[in-house]
Amino acid sequence: MDEDKNYRAAIYVRVSTDEQAQDGYSLNAQKEMLTNYCISQGWDIAKFYEDDGYSGRTVKRPAYAKMIEESDLWDVMLVVKMDRIHRNSRNFMEMMEDISSKGKMFVSSTEALDTTNALGRFVVDMIQRIAQLESEQIGERTYFGMREKAENLENDASEKKTMGFNPPFGYRINNGALEAVSDELDVAENIFFQYYDGRTIDEICSNLNEEETLTRKGNIWNKFNLSNILHNPVYAGYMRWEDILIRHEAHTAVSPELFNRVQEIMASKVKDPSKRNVLLVPVIGEQN
């Protein structure tokens, strides 16, 4: 950097929802540290940019976007640590290409790194890759924990057995457990039987819309939302989490046998054999 130049610093601070309970990285603590850093460097503070409750894994942060938009106001982007600005190396490098093309610089105060020289750029990139690795490892542990929970959910004595399951048409969540909405479930049952009896999806949609039987949100039926009904194993007694089927105790629209037959009929109408992915559910006598 040009030590004789009086740089204008854009101070960026961020905490995610999880980090708000941790000591040492509060927004005020970050702002105080960076203010003192600017004083020690003889820099002017152009503006504070503060994202409260936003993850570093996304670029969709209002203060971050505003800072990039207002790049004419500052010369140096200043953060306490590199993970405050991005936790994804690709996002970081795209940001660096953007601000570098505008003649702007990046500084991480506690890591004593800047991008005004080749070594600094190399080290910044390596640290970002390590941060991304840590983030991905956390994501993997979370995923495997959720999968293990899904695999053992049927043996869980707790009533809360939905894992944040978003109830489809015909169901709602009551005290953490799936519960049937009888009038909607009757419609779902009618959809299955009409299709099993040979009516096309377009014909079923037309029948429902003519009867003014609408979706939960008051929309008309179409190929997309009606196909979702026919493909969803929840109507035969099973919630789905990726490739795992979890038996639920709520009322069903159809039997597993009828559901499976509908899946086979739909698959038979797919012209490309490689795309005939049929998800069948266990029937009585086949369950372990």
C-alpha atoms as a PDB file:
ATOM      1  CA  MET A   1       0.000   0.000   0.000  1.00  0.00           C
ATOM      2  CA  ASP A   2       0.952   3.603  -0.446  1.00  0.00           C
ATOM      3  CA  GLU A   3       1.762   4.599   3.124  1.00  0.00           C
ATOM      4  CA  ASP A   4       1.462   8.297   2.256  1.00  0.00           C
ATOM      5  CA  LYS A   5      -2.120   7.986   1.069  1.00  0.00           C
ATOM      6  CA  ASN A   6      -5.014   8.608   3.441  1.00  0.00           C
ATOM      7  CA  TYR A   7      -7.190   5.578   2.678  1.00  0.00           C
ATOM      8  CA  ARG A   8     -10.931   5.487   3.159  1.00  0.00           C
ATOM      9  CA  ALA A   9     -12.020   2.269   4.841  1.00  0.00           C
ATOM     10  CA  ALA A  10     -15.332   0.489   4.445  1.00  0.00           C
ATOM     11  CA  ILE A  11     -15.719  -1.355   7.741  1.00  0.00           C
ATOM     12  CA  TYR A  12     -17.744  -4.534   7.320  1.00  0.00           C
ATOM     13  CA  VAL A  13     -19.036  -6.483  10.339  1.00  0.00           C
ATOM     14  CA  ARG A  14     -21.247  -9.570  10.419  1.00  0.00           C
ATOM     15  CA  VAL A  15     -22.657 -12.141  12.802  1.00  0.00           C
ATOM     16  CA  SER A  16     -24.874 -15.066  11.902  1.00  0.00           C
ATOM     17  CA  THR A  17     -27.809 -16.133  14.052  1.00  0.00           C
ATOM     18  CA  ASP A  18     -25.762 -18.891  15.707  1.00  0.00           C
ATOM     19  CA  GLU A  19     -22.827 -16.604  16.415  1.00  0.00           C
ATOM     20  CA  GLN A  20     -24.862 -13.988  18.226  1.00  0.00           C
ATOM     21  CA  ALA A  21     -24.589 -15.976  21.455  1.00  0.00           C
ATOM     22  CA  GLN A  22     -20.800 -16.268  21.234  1.00  0.00           C
ATOM     23  CA  ASP A  23     -18.430 -13.930  23.028  1.00  0.00           C
ATOM     24  CA  GLY A  24     -15.786 -11.924  21.229  1.00  0.00           C
ATOM     25  CA  TYR A  25     -17.454 -11.534  17.845  1.00  0.00           C
ATOM     26  CA  SER A  26     -20.392  -9.297  18.554  1.00  0.00           C
ATOM     27  CA  LEU A  27     -21.033  -6.520  16.076  1.00  0.00           C
ATOM     28  CA  ASN A  28     -19.952  -3.859  18.561  1.00  0.00           C
ATOM     29  CA  ALA A  29     -16.742  -5.721  19.386  1.00  0.00           C
ATOM     30  CA  GLN A  30     -15.891  -5.997  15.686  1.00  0.00           C
ATOM     31  CA  LYS A  31     -16.606  -2.309  15.086  1.00  0.00           C
ATOM     32  CA  GLU A  32     -14.435  -1.269  18.030  1.00  0.00           C
ATOM     33  CA  MET A  33     -11.517  -3.431  16.876  1.00  0.00           C
ATOM     34  CA  LEU A  34     -11.702  -2.103  13.330  1.00  0.00           C
ATOM     35  CA  THR A  35     -12.070   1.510  14.431  1.00  0.00           C
ATOM     36  CA  ASN A  36      -8.873   1.174  16.463  1.00  0.00           C
ATOM     37  CA  TYR A  37      -7.171  -0.466  13.491  1.00  0.00           C
ATOM     38  CA  CYS A  38      -8.068   2.484  11.270  1.00  0.00           C
ATOM     39  CA  ILE A  39      -6.707   4.896  13.864  1.00  0.00           C
ATOM     40  CA  SER A  40      -3.421   2.969  14.012  1.00  0.00           C
ATOM     41  CA  GLN A  41      -3.127   3.055  10.210  1.00  0.00           C
ATOM     42  CA  GLY A  42      -4.173   6.673   9.862  1.00  0.00           C
ATOM     43  CA  TRP A  43      -7.172   5.741   7.712  1.00  0.00           C
ATOM     44  CA  ASP A  44     -10.503   7.513   7.522  1.00  0.00           C
ATOM     45  CA  ILE A  45     -13.646   5.492   8.131  1.00  0.00           C
ATOM     46  CA  ALA A  46     -15.843   5.903   5.077  1.00  0.00           C
ATOM     47  CA  LYS A  47     -18.807   3.980   6.472  1.00  0.00           C
ATOM     48  CA  PHE A  48     -19.838   1.041   8.661  1.00  0.00           C
ATOM     49  CA  TYR A  49     -21.670  -1.830   6.966  1.00  0.00           C
ATOM     50  CA  GLU A  50     -23.434  -4.166   9.380  1.00  0.00           C
ATOM     51  CA  ASP A  51     -25.155  -7.497   8.631  1.00  0.00           C
ATOM     52  CA  ASP A  52     -26.861  -8.823  11.735  1.00  0.00           C
ATOM     53  CA  GLY A  53     -28.047 -12.451  11.594  1.00  0.00           C
ATOM     54  CA  TYR A  54     -26.761 -13.354   8.120  1.00  0.00           C
ATOM     55  CA  SER A  55     -24.657 -16.350   7.125  1.00  0.00           C
ATOM     56  CA  GLY A  56     -21.323 -15.881   5.402  1.00  0.00           C
ATOM     57  CA  ARG A  57     -22.220 -18.683   3.011  1.00  0.00           C
ATOM     58  CA  THR A  58     -24.552 -16.454   1.009  1.00  0.00           C
ATOM     59  CA  VAL A  59     -23.960 -13.200  -0.848  1.00  0.00           C
ATOM     60  CA  LYS A  60     -27.568 -12.157  -0.234  1.00  0.00           C
ATOM     61  CA  ARG A  61     -26.802  -9.801   2.642  1.00  0.00           C
ATOM     62  CA  PRO A  62     -28.180  -6.251   2.519  1.00  0.00           C
ATOM     63  CA  ALA A  63     -25.218  -4.414   4.048  1.00  0.00           C
ATOM     64  CA  TYR A  64     -22.713  -6.418   1.996  1.00  0.00           C
ATOM     65  CA  ALA A  65     -24.609  -5.619  -1.208  1.00  0.00           C
ATOM     66  CA  LYS A  66     -24.778  -1.938  -0.232  1.00  0.00           C
ATOM     67  CA  MET A  67     -21.024  -1.845   0.396  1.00  0.00           C
ATOM     68  CA  ILE A  68     -20.270  -3.297  -3.038  1.00  0.00           C
ATOM     69  CA  GLU A  69     -22.715  -0.864  -4.608  1.00  0.00           C
ATOM     70  CA  GLU A  70     -21.041   2.081  -2.859  1.00  0.00           C
ATOM     71  CA  SER A  71     -17.470   1.131  -3.790  1.00  0.00           C
ATOM     72  CA  ASP A  72     -16.807   4.698  -4.960  1.00  0.00           C
ATOM     73  CA  LEU A  73     -16.967   5.792  -1.308  1.00  0.00           C
ATOM     74  CA  TRP A  74     -14.033   3.677  -0.108  1.00  0.00           C
ATOM     75  CA  ASP A  75     -10.563   2.419  -0.979  1.00  0.00           C
ATOM     76  CA  VAL A  76     -10.162  -0.502   1.416  1.00  0.00           C
ATOM     77  CA  MET A  77     -12.617  -3.137   2.576  1.00  0.00           C
ATOM     78  CA  LEU A  78     -11.750  -3.916   6.200  1.00  0.00           C
ATOM     79  CA  VAL A  79     -12.889  -6.917   8.275  1.00  0.00           C
ATOM     80  CA  VAL A  80     -11.801  -8.538  11.530  1.00  0.00           C
ATOM     81  CA  LYS A  81     -11.387 -11.987   9.972  1.00  0.00           C
ATOM     82  CA  MET A  82     -11.781 -13.274   6.467  1.00  0.00           C
ATOM     83  CA  ASP A  83     -14.722 -15.493   7.364  1.00  0.00           C
ATOM     84  CA  ARG A  84     -16.709 -12.340   8.184  1.00  0.00           C
ATOM     85  CA  ILE A  85     -16.907 -11.481   4.484  1.00  0.00           C
ATOM     86  CA  HIS A  86     -17.277 -14.951   2.893  1.00  0.00           C
ATOM     87  CA  ARG A  87     -17.167 -18.608   3.874  1.00  0.00           C
ATOM     88  CA  ASN A  88     -17.092 -19.787   0.298  1.00  0.00           C
ATOM     89  CA  SER A  89     -13.846 -19.448  -1.670  1.00  0.00           C
ATOM     90  CA  ARG A  90     -15.626 -19.025  -5.002  1.00  0.00           C
ATOM     91  CA  ASN A  91     -17.739 -16.151  -3.680  1.00  0.00           C
ATOM     92  CA  PHE A  92     -14.651 -14.574  -2.171  1.00  0.00           C
ATOM     93  CA  MET A  93     -12.611 -14.810  -5.342  1.00  0.00           C
ATOM     94  CA  GLU A  94     -15.471 -13.396  -7.409  1.00  0.00           C
ATOM     95  CA  MET A  95     -15.683 -10.490  -4.971  1.00  0.00           C
ATOM     96  CA  MET A  96     -11.915  -9.954  -5.192  1.00  0.00           C
ATOM     97  CA  GLU A  97     -12.019  -9.891  -8.983  1.00  0.00           C
ATOM     98  CA  ASP A  98     -14.820  -7.328  -8.804  1.00  0.00           C
ATOM     99  CA  ILE A  99     -13.232  -4.935  -6.325  1.00  0.00           C
ATOM    100  CA  SER A 100      -9.731  -5.364  -7.791  1.00  0.00           C
ATOM    101  CA  SER A 101     -11.040  -4.297 -11.193  1.00  0.00           C
ATOM    102  CA  LYS A 102     -12.188  -1.103  -9.479  1.00  0.00           C
ATOM    103  CA  GLY A 103      -8.810  -0.531  -7.821  1.00  0.00           C
ATOM    104  CA  LYS A 104     -10.089  -1.460  -4.359  1.00  0.00           C
ATOM    105  CA  MET A 105      -8.246  -3.473  -1.696  1.00  0.00           C
ATOM    106  CA  PHE A 106      -9.111  -5.968   1.006  1.00  0.00           C
ATOM    107  CA  VAL A 107      -7.653  -6.205   4.506  1.00  0.00           C
ATOM    108  CA  SER A 108      -8.227  -8.660   7.331  1.00  0.00           C
ATOM    109  CA  SER A 109      -7.023  -6.901  10.468  1.00  0.00           C
ATOM    110  CA  THR A 110      -6.386  -9.792  12.868  1.00  0.00           C
ATOM    111  CA  GLU A 111      -4.802 -11.978  10.207  1.00  0.00           C
ATOM    112  CA  ALA A 112      -2.536  -9.151   9.017  1.00  0.00           C
ATOM    113  CA  LEU A 113      -3.314  -9.897   5.385  1.00  0.00           C
ATOM    114  CA  ASP A 114      -3.936  -7.612   2.462  1.00  0.00           C
ATOM    115  CA  THR A 115      -4.245  -8.018  -1.289  1.00  0.00           C
ATOM    116  CA  THR A 116      -1.792  -5.417  -2.441  1.00  0.00           C
ATOM    117  CA  ASN A 117       0.892  -8.012  -3.208  1.00  0.00           C
ATOM    118  CA  ALA A 118       1.110 -11.502  -4.718  1.00  0.00           C
ATOM    119  CA  LEU A 119       1.988 -13.197  -1.434  1.00  0.00           C
ATOM    120  CA  GLY A 120      -0.966 -11.611   0.302  1.00  0.00           C
ATOM    121  CA  ARG A 121      -3.324 -12.723  -2.449  1.00  0.00           C
ATOM    122  CA  PHE A 122      -1.963 -16.278  -2.273  1.00  0.00           C
ATOM    123  CA  VAL A 123      -2.335 -16.504   1.512  1.00  0.00           C
ATOM    124  CA  VAL A 124      -5.822 -15.000   1.391  1.00  0.00           C
ATOM    125  CA  ASP A 125      -6.873 -17.642  -1.115  1.00  0.00           C
ATOM    126  CA  MET A 126      -5.434 -20.480   1.013  1.00  0.00           C
ATOM    127  CA  ILE A 127      -7.172 -19.267   4.169  1.00  0.00           C
ATOM    128  CA  GLN A 128     -10.467 -18.997   2.311  1.00  0.00           C
ATOM    129  CA  ARG A 129     -10.114 -22.563   1.073  1.00  0.00           C
ATOM    130  CA  ILE A 130      -9.507 -23.755   4.631  1.00  0.00           C
ATOM    131  CA  ALA A 131     -12.560 -21.826   5.837  1.00  0.00           C
ATOM    132  CA  GLN A 132     -14.646 -23.406   3.087  1.00  0.00           C
ATOM    133  CA  LEU A 133     -13.369 -26.872   4.045  1.00  0.00           C
ATOM    134  CA  GLU A 134     -14.392 -26.304   7.662  1.00  0.00           C
ATOM    135  CA  SER A 135     -17.810 -25.063   6.560  1.00  0.00           C
ATOM    136  CA  GLU A 136     -18.340 -28.087   4.305  1.00  0.00           C
ATOM    137  CA  GLN A 137     -17.278 -30.449   7.088  1.00  0.00           C
ATOM    138  CA  ILE A 138     -19.849 -28.860   9.409  1.00  0.00           C
ATOM    139  CA  GLY A 139     -22.453 -29.288   6.668  1.00  0.00           C
ATOM    140  CA  GLU A 140     -21.514 -32.950   6.232  1.00  0.00           C
ATOM    141  CA  ARG A 141     -21.793 -33.628   9.958  1.00  0.00           C
ATOM    142  CA  THR A 142     -25.197 -31.934  10.012  1.00  0.00           C
ATOM    143  CA  TYR A 143     -26.361 -33.958   7.012  1.00  0.00           C
ATOM    144  CA  PHE A 144     -25.236 -37.295   8.467  1.00  0.00           C
ATOM    145  CA  GLY A 145     -26.836 -36.405  11.794  1.00  0.00           C
ATOM    146  CA  MET A 146     -30.156 -35.695  10.073  1.00  0.00           C
ATOM    147  CA  ARG A 147     -29.897 -38.888   8.038  1.00  0.00           C
ATOM    148  CA  GLU A 148     -29.258 -40.954  11.155  1.00  0.00           C
ATOM    149  CA  LYS A 149     -32.270 -39.316  12.786  1.00  0.00           C
ATOM    150  CA  ALA A 150     -34.423 -40.081   9.735  1.00  0.00           C
ATOM    151  CA  GLU A 151     -33.302 -43.713   9.702  1.00  0.00           C
ATOM    152  CA  ASN A 152     -34.283 -44.138  13.356  1.00  0.00           C
ATOM    153  CA  LEU A 153     -37.362 -41.951  13.443  1.00  0.00           C
ATOM    154  CA  GLU A 154     -39.875 -44.803  13.425  1.00  0.00           C
ATOM    155  CA  ASN A 155     -38.333 -46.145  16.655  1.00  0.00           C
ATOM    156  CA  ASP A 156     -38.481 -42.745  18.351  1.00  0.00           C
ATOM    157  CA  ALA A 157     -41.090 -42.654  21.107  1.00  0.00           C
ATOM    158  CA  SER A 158     -41.440 -38.879  20.786  1.00  0.00           C
ATOM    159  CA  GLU A 159     -44.565 -37.498  19.144  1.00  0.00           C
ATOM    160  CA  LYS A 160     -42.434 -35.018  17.223  1.00  0.00           C
ATOM    161  CA  LYS A 161     -41.504 -37.220  14.307  1.00  0.00           C
ATOM    162  CA  THR A 162     -41.543 -34.932  11.281  1.00  0.00           C
ATOM    163  CA  MET A 163     -37.981 -33.477  11.126  1.00  0.00           C
ATOM    164  CA  GLY A 164     -39.406 -30.163   9.977  1.00  0.00           C
ATOM    165  CA  PHE A 165     -41.535 -31.977   7.384  1.00  0.00           C
ATOM    166  CA  ASN A 166     -43.594 -29.503   5.363  1.00  0.00           C
ATOM    167  CA  PRO A 167     -47.106 -30.986   5.352  1.00  0.00           C
ATOM    168  CA  PRO A 168     -48.598 -31.328   1.866  1.00  0.00           C
ATOM    169  CA  PHE A 169     -52.210 -30.904   0.815  1.00  0.00           C
ATOM    170  CA  GLY A 170     -54.324 -33.166   3.044  1.00  0.00           C
ATOM    171  CA  TYR A 171     -52.179 -32.851   6.164  1.00  0.00           C
ATOM    172  CA  ARG A 172     -51.067 -30.463   8.878  1.00  0.00           C
ATOM    173  CA  ILE A 173     -48.637 -30.593  11.806  1.00  0.00           C
ATOM    174  CA  ASN A 174     -50.193 -30.888  15.257  1.00  0.00           C
ATOM    175  CA  ASN A 175     -47.822 -30.922  18.253  1.00  0.00           C
ATOM    176  CA  GLY A 176     -44.996 -32.026  15.995  1.00  0.00           C
ATOM    177  CA  ALA A 177     -46.888 -34.965  14.497  1.00  0.00           C
ATOM    178  CA  LEU A 178     -48.599 -35.356  11.139  1.00  0.00           C
ATOM    179  CA  GLU A 179     -52.394 -35.073  11.221  1.00  0.00           C
ATOM    180  CA  ALA A 180     -54.942 -35.496   8.408  1.00  0.00           C
ATOM    181  CA  VAL A 181     -57.139 -32.632   7.179  1.00  0.00           C
ATOM    182  CA  SER A 182     -60.191 -34.689   6.289  1.00  0.00           C
ATOM    183  CA  ASP A 183     -61.761 -32.561   3.528  1.00  0.00           C
ATOM    184  CA  GLU A 184     -58.411 -32.157   1.739  1.00  0.00           C
ATOM    185  CA  LEU A 185     -57.536 -35.817   2.186  1.00  0.00           C
ATOM    186  CA  ASP A 186     -60.857 -36.758   0.556  1.00  0.00           C
ATOM    187  CA  VAL A 187     -59.812 -34.727  -2.487  1.00  0.00           C
ATOM    188  CA  ALA A 188     -56.432 -36.473  -2.580  1.00  0.00           C
ATOM    189  CA  GLU A 189     -58.175 -39.860  -2.404  1.00  0.00           C
ATOM    190  CA  ASN A 190     -60.441 -38.841  -5.290  1.00  0.00           C
ATOM    191  CA  ILE A 191     -57.398 -37.834  -7.353  1.00  0.00           C
ATOM    192  CA  PHE A 192     -55.769 -41.232  -6.889  1.00  0.00           C
ATOM    193  CA  PHE A 193     -58.931 -43.179  -7.757  1.00  0.00           C
ATOM    194  CA  GLN A 194     -59.684 -41.068 -10.819  1.00  0.00           C
ATOM    195  CA  TYR A 195     -56.188 -41.681 -12.143  1.00  0.00           C
ATOM    196  CA  TYR A 196     -56.358 -45.401 -11.313  1.00  0.00           C
ATOM    197  CA  ASP A 197     -59.670 -45.581 -13.190  1.00  0.00           C
ATOM    198  CA  GLY A 198     -57.999 -44.323 -16.355  1.00  0.00           C
ATOM    199  CA  ARG A 199     -58.506 -40.565 -16.374  1.00  0.00           C
ATOM    200  CA  THR A 200     -55.573 -38.425 -17.460  1.00  0.00           C
ATOM    201  CA  ILE A 201     -53.996 -35.775 -15.268  1.00  0.00           C
ATOM    202  CA  ASP A 202     -55.448 -33.064 -17.510  1.00  0.00           C
ATOM    203  CA  GLU A 203     -58.931 -34.561 -17.152  1.00  0.00           C
ATOM    204  CA  ILE A 204     -58.637 -34.744 -13.359  1.00  0.00           C
ATOM    205  CA  CYS A 205     -57.466 -31.127 -13.209  1.00  0.00           C
ATOM    206  CA  SER A 206     -60.364 -30.048 -15.367  1.00  0.00           C
ATOM    207  CA  ASN A 207     -62.875 -31.931 -13.176  1.00  0.00           C
ATOM    208  CA  LEU A 208     -61.532 -30.426  -9.952  1.00  0.00           C
ATOM    209  CA  ASN A 209     -61.391 -26.889 -11.341  1.00  0.00           C
ATOM    210  CA  GLU A 210     -64.918 -27.116 -12.770  1.00  0.00           C
ATOM    211  CA  GLU A 211     -66.120 -28.192  -9.321  1.00  0.00           C
ATOM    212  CA  GLU A 212     -64.201 -25.221  -7.863  1.00  0.00           C
ATOM    213  CA  THR A 213     -62.212 -27.615  -5.690  1.00  0.00           C
ATOM    214  CA  LEU A 214     -58.982 -25.641  -5.365  1.00  0.00           C
ATOM    215  CA  THR A 215     -55.590 -26.212  -3.747  1.00  0.00           C
ATOM    216  CA  ARG A 216     -54.893 -25.211  -0.157  1.00  0.00           C
ATOM    217  CA  LYS A 217     -53.640 -21.832  -1.343  1.00  0.00           C
ATOM    218  CA  GLY A 218     -56.739 -21.284  -3.459  1.00  0.00           C
ATOM    219  CA  ASN A 219     -55.024 -21.994  -6.766  1.00  0.00           C
ATOM    220  CA  ILE A 220     -56.404 -24.044  -9.622  1.00  0.00           C
ATOM    221  CA  TRP A 221     -55.082 -27.533 -10.231  1.00  0.00           C
ATOM    222  CA  ASN A 222     -52.486 -28.114 -12.948  1.00  0.00           C
ATOM    223  CA  LYS A 223     -50.171 -30.889 -14.113  1.00  0.00           C
ATOM    224  CA  PHE A 224     -47.455 -29.899 -11.660  1.00  0.00           C
ATOM    225  CA  ASN A 225     -49.372 -29.713  -8.380  1.00  0.00           C
ATOM    226  CA  LEU A 226     -51.547 -32.706  -9.205  1.00  0.00           C
ATOM    227  CA  SER A 227     -48.539 -34.843 -10.195  1.00  0.00           C
ATOM    228  CA  ASN A 228     -46.985 -33.954  -6.834  1.00  0.00           C
ATOM    229  CA  ILE A 229     -50.023 -35.474  -5.147  1.00  0.00           C
ATOM    230  CA  LEU A 230     -49.791 -38.697  -7.162  1.00  0.00           C
ATOM    231  CA  HIS A 231     -46.053 -39.105  -6.523  1.00  0.00           C
ATOM    232  CA  ASN A 232     -46.093 -38.359  -2.796  1.00  0.00           C
ATOM    233  CA  PRO A 233     -45.935 -41.506  -0.579  1.00  0.00           C
ATOM    234  CA  VAL A 234     -47.372 -39.549   2.358  1.00  0.00           C
ATOM    235  CA  TYR A 235     -50.846 -40.439   1.039  1.00  0.00           C
ATOM    236  CA  ALA A 236     -50.017 -44.144   1.482  1.00  0.00           C
ATOM    237  CA  GLY A 237     -48.603 -43.737   4.993  1.00  0.00           C
ATOM    238  CA  TYR A 238     -44.974 -42.747   4.446  1.00  0.00           C
ATOM    239  CA  MET A 239     -43.058 -39.481   4.769  1.00  0.00           C
ATOM    240  CA  ARG A 240     -40.020 -39.262   2.516  1.00  0.00           C
ATOM    241  CA  TRP A 241     -36.607 -37.842   3.442  1.00  0.00           C
ATOM    242  CA  GLU A 242     -34.359 -38.256   0.400  1.00  0.00           C
ATOM    243  CA  ASP A 243     -34.382 -42.045  -0.197  1.00  0.00           C
ATOM    244  CA  ILE A 244     -35.691 -42.901   3.278  1.00  0.00           C
ATOM    245  CA  LEU A 245     -39.365 -43.729   3.875  1.00  0.00           C
ATOM    246  CA  ILE A 246     -40.663 -43.035   7.379  1.00  0.00           C
ATOM    247  CA  ARG A 247     -43.958 -44.543   8.435  1.00  0.00           C
ATOM    248  CA  HIS A 248     -46.440 -42.040   9.887  1.00  0.00           C
ATOM    249  CA  GLU A 249     -49.538 -42.680  11.988  1.00  0.00           C
ATOM    250  CA  ALA A 250     -51.966 -40.238  10.387  1.00  0.00           C
ATOM    251  CA  HIS A 251     -54.911 -41.320   8.223  1.00  0.00           C
ATOM    252  CA  THR A 252     -54.053 -42.117   4.615  1.00  0.00           C
ATOM    253  CA  ALA A 253     -55.790 -41.443   1.320  1.00  0.00           C
ATOM    254  CA  VAL A 254     -54.970 -44.779  -0.293  1.00  0.00           C
ATOM    255  CA  SER A 255     -53.477 -48.153   0.518  1.00  0.00           C
ATOM    256  CA  PRO A 256     -49.792 -48.882  -0.225  1.00  0.00           C
ATOM    257  CA  GLU A 257     -50.966 -51.353  -2.893  1.00  0.00           C
ATOM    258  CA  LEU A 258     -53.015 -48.737  -4.760  1.00  0.00           C
ATOM    259  CA  PHE A 259     -50.252 -46.162  -4.433  1.00  0.00           C
ATOM    260  CA  ASN A 260     -47.731 -48.584  -5.930  1.00  0.00           C
ATOM    261  CA  ARG A 261     -50.053 -49.429  -8.802  1.00  0.00           C
ATOM    262  CA  VAL A 262     -50.467 -45.718  -9.593  1.00  0.00           C
ATOM    263  CA  GLN A 263     -46.683 -45.294  -9.627  1.00  0.00           C
ATOM    264  CA  GLU A 264     -46.338 -48.165 -12.096  1.00  0.00           C
ATOM    265  CA  ILE A 265     -49.037 -46.713 -14.358  1.00  0.00           C
ATOM    266  CA  MET A 266     -47.361 -43.297 -14.407  1.00  0.00           C
ATOM    267  CA  ALA A 267     -43.948 -44.839 -15.086  1.00  0.00           C
ATOM    268  CA  SER A 268     -45.330 -46.845 -17.996  1.00  0.00           C
ATOM    269  CA  LYS A 269     -46.300 -43.587 -19.712  1.00  0.00           C
ATOM    270  CA  VAL A 270     -42.743 -42.193 -19.637  1.00  0.00           C
ATOM    271  CA  LYS A 271     -41.260 -42.673 -23.109  1.00  0.00           C
ATOM    272  CA  ASP A 272     -37.604 -42.761 -22.036  1.00  0.00           C
ATOM    273  CA  PRO A 273     -36.978 -46.014 -20.082  1.00  0.00           C
ATOM    274  CA  SER A 274     -33.999 -44.442 -18.265  1.00  0.00           C
ATOM    275  CA  LYS A 275     -36.355 -41.894 -16.691  1.00  0.00           C
ATOM    276  CA  ARG A 276     -38.873 -44.411 -15.374  1.00  0.00           C
ATOM    277  CA  ASN A 277     -37.922 -44.005 -11.738  1.00  0.00           C
ATOM    278  CA  VAL A 278     -40.574 -45.773  -9.695  1.00  0.00           C
ATOM    279  CA  LEU A 279     -40.734 -45.238  -5.948  1.00  0.00           C
ATOM    280  CA  LEU A 280     -42.766 -48.020  -4.341  1.00  0.00           C
ATOM    281  CA  VAL A 281     -43.697 -48.177  -0.683  1.00  0.00           C
ATOM    282  CA  PRO A 282     -43.770 -51.294   1.534  1.00  0.00           C
ATOM    283  CA  VAL A 283     -47.074 -53.144   1.736  1.00  0.00           C
ATOM    284  CA  ILE A 284     -48.440 -55.195   4.602  1.00  0.00           C
ATOM    285  CA  GLY A 285     -46.387 -58.337   5.054  1.00  0.00           C
ATOM    286  CA  GLU A 286     -43.306 -56.845   3.358  1.00  0.00           C
ATOM    287  CA  GLN A 287     -42.237 -54.500   6.156  1.00  0.00           C
ATOM    288  CA  ASN A 288     -39.295 -55.536   8.319  1.00  0.00           C
END
